[in-house]
């Protein structure tokens, strides 16, 4: 099973989970006693904002740590092009069994 097949399976599963979550949150959930039907938007809004927070944090970490890693590799290996070119490969683990 290759990485593209696993990605495809996980994408389909994620899509199904989103669809089920939207159905449960927007159709099945009962209205709130105080806010009525309006509170159902919380079932969509809160997960989406948390996803955005995770994306922004991952972007910040990538912006901060990738240049730092690059500088460390250049310092350790004396700026050799082959060592610098290997830096991105170190961040992505190789698939075992090949």
Protein backbone atom coordinates (compact mmCIF):
# COMPACT_ATOMS: atom_id res chain seq x y z
CA UNK A 1 0.00 0.00 0.00
CA UNK A 2 1.73 3.17 -1.21
CA UNK A 3 1.62 6.61 0.37
CA UNK A 4 -0.77 7.96 -2.26
CA UNK A 5 -3.28 5.20 -1.57
CA UNK A 6 -3.08 5.83 2.17
CA UNK A 7 -3.56 9.55 1.58
CA UNK A 8 -6.59 8.84 -0.60
CA UNK A 9 -8.13 6.55 2.03
CA UNK A 10 -7.50 9.09 4.81
CA UNK A 11 -8.98 11.88 2.66
CA UNK A 12 -12.17 9.90 2.08
CA UNK A 13 -12.42 9.04 5.77
CA UNK A 14 -11.89 12.69 6.74
CA UNK A 15 -14.57 13.80 4.29
CA UNK A 16 -17.03 11.28 5.69
CA UNK A 17 -16.28 12.40 9.25
CA UNK A 18 -16.87 16.04 8.28
CA UNK A 19 -20.15 15.16 6.56
CA UNK A 20 -21.39 13.14 9.54
CA UNK A 21 -20.31 15.86 11.96
CA UNK A 22 -22.12 18.54 9.98
CA UNK A 23 -25.27 16.44 9.81
CA UNK A 24 -25.21 15.69 13.54
CA UNK A 25 -24.41 19.26 14.52
CA UNK A 26 -26.75 21.12 12.17
CA UNK A 27 -29.68 18.68 11.84
CA UNK A 28 -29.80 16.19 14.72
CA UNK A 29 -28.73 18.44 17.63
CA UNK A 30 -31.71 19.91 19.47
CA UNK A 31 -32.10 23.68 19.71
CA UNK A 32 -30.76 25.40 22.80
CA UNK A 33 -33.24 26.52 25.45
CA UNK A 34 -31.93 30.10 25.48
CA UNK A 35 -30.46 30.74 22.03
CA UNK A 36 -32.70 28.47 20.00
CA UNK A 37 -31.56 27.42 16.51
CA UNK A 38 -28.72 29.96 16.38
CA UNK A 39 -26.49 27.98 18.74
CA UNK A 40 -26.08 25.21 16.15
CA UNK A 41 -23.55 27.36 14.29
CA UNK A 42 -21.19 26.69 17.22
CA UNK A 43 -20.89 23.09 16.02
CA UNK A 44 -19.39 24.44 12.79
CA UNK A 45 -17.59 27.54 14.04
CA UNK A 46 -15.60 26.13 16.97
CA UNK A 47 -13.99 23.18 15.09
CA UNK A 48 -13.15 25.42 12.13
CA UNK A 49 -11.46 28.05 14.31
CA UNK A 50 -9.51 25.35 16.16
CA UNK A 51 -8.35 23.98 12.80
CA UNK A 52 -7.26 27.48 11.80
CA UNK A 53 -5.30 27.84 15.07
CA UNK A 54 -3.49 24.55 14.36
CA UNK A 55 -2.70 25.67 10.81
CA UNK A 56 -1.37 29.05 11.97
CA UNK A 57 0.76 27.37 14.66
CA UNK A 58 2.20 24.88 12.16
CA UNK A 59 2.99 27.75 9.78
CA UNK A 60 4.72 29.70 12.53
CA UNK A 61 6.78 26.70 13.59
CA UNK A 62 7.77 26.00 9.98
CA UNK A 63 8.76 29.63 9.39
CA UNK A 64 10.81 29.66 12.57
CA UNK A 65 12.43 26.23 12.63
CA UNK A 66 13.18 25.49 8.96
CA UNK A 67 15.55 28.48 8.54
CA UNK A 68 17.10 27.66 11.92
CA UNK A 69 17.67 24.08 10.80
CA UNK A 70 19.15 25.33 7.52
CA UNK A 71 21.61 27.61 9.35
CA UNK A 72 22.66 24.80 11.69
CA UNK A 73 23.35 22.47 8.75
CA UNK A 74 25.38 25.14 6.98
CA UNK A 75 27.37 25.82 10.16
CA UNK A 76 28.01 22.14 10.94
CA UNK A 77 28.88 21.03 7.42
CA UNK A 78 30.73 24.17 6.41
CA UNK A 79 28.27 25.22 3.72
CA UNK A 80 28.78 22.22 1.44
CA UNK A 81 26.03 22.11 -1.13
CA UNK A 82 25.43 18.40 -0.73
CA UNK A 83 24.91 18.74 3.02
CA UNK A 84 22.56 21.68 2.58
CA UNK A 85 20.61 19.84 -0.11
CA UNK A 86 20.19 16.90 2.27
CA UNK A 87 18.59 19.07 4.98
CA UNK A 88 14.99 18.86 3.65
CA UNK A 89 15.38 15.11 3.27
CA UNK A 90 16.21 14.80 6.94
CA UNK A 91 12.88 16.34 7.87
CA UNK A 92 10.90 13.73 5.89
CA UNK A 93 11.37 10.15 7.10
CA UNK A 94 12.02 7.53 4.45
CA UNK A 95 9.51 4.73 3.96
CA UNK A 96 10.76 1.51 5.51
CA UNK A 97 11.13 -1.64 3.45
CA UNK A 98 12.64 -0.08 0.36
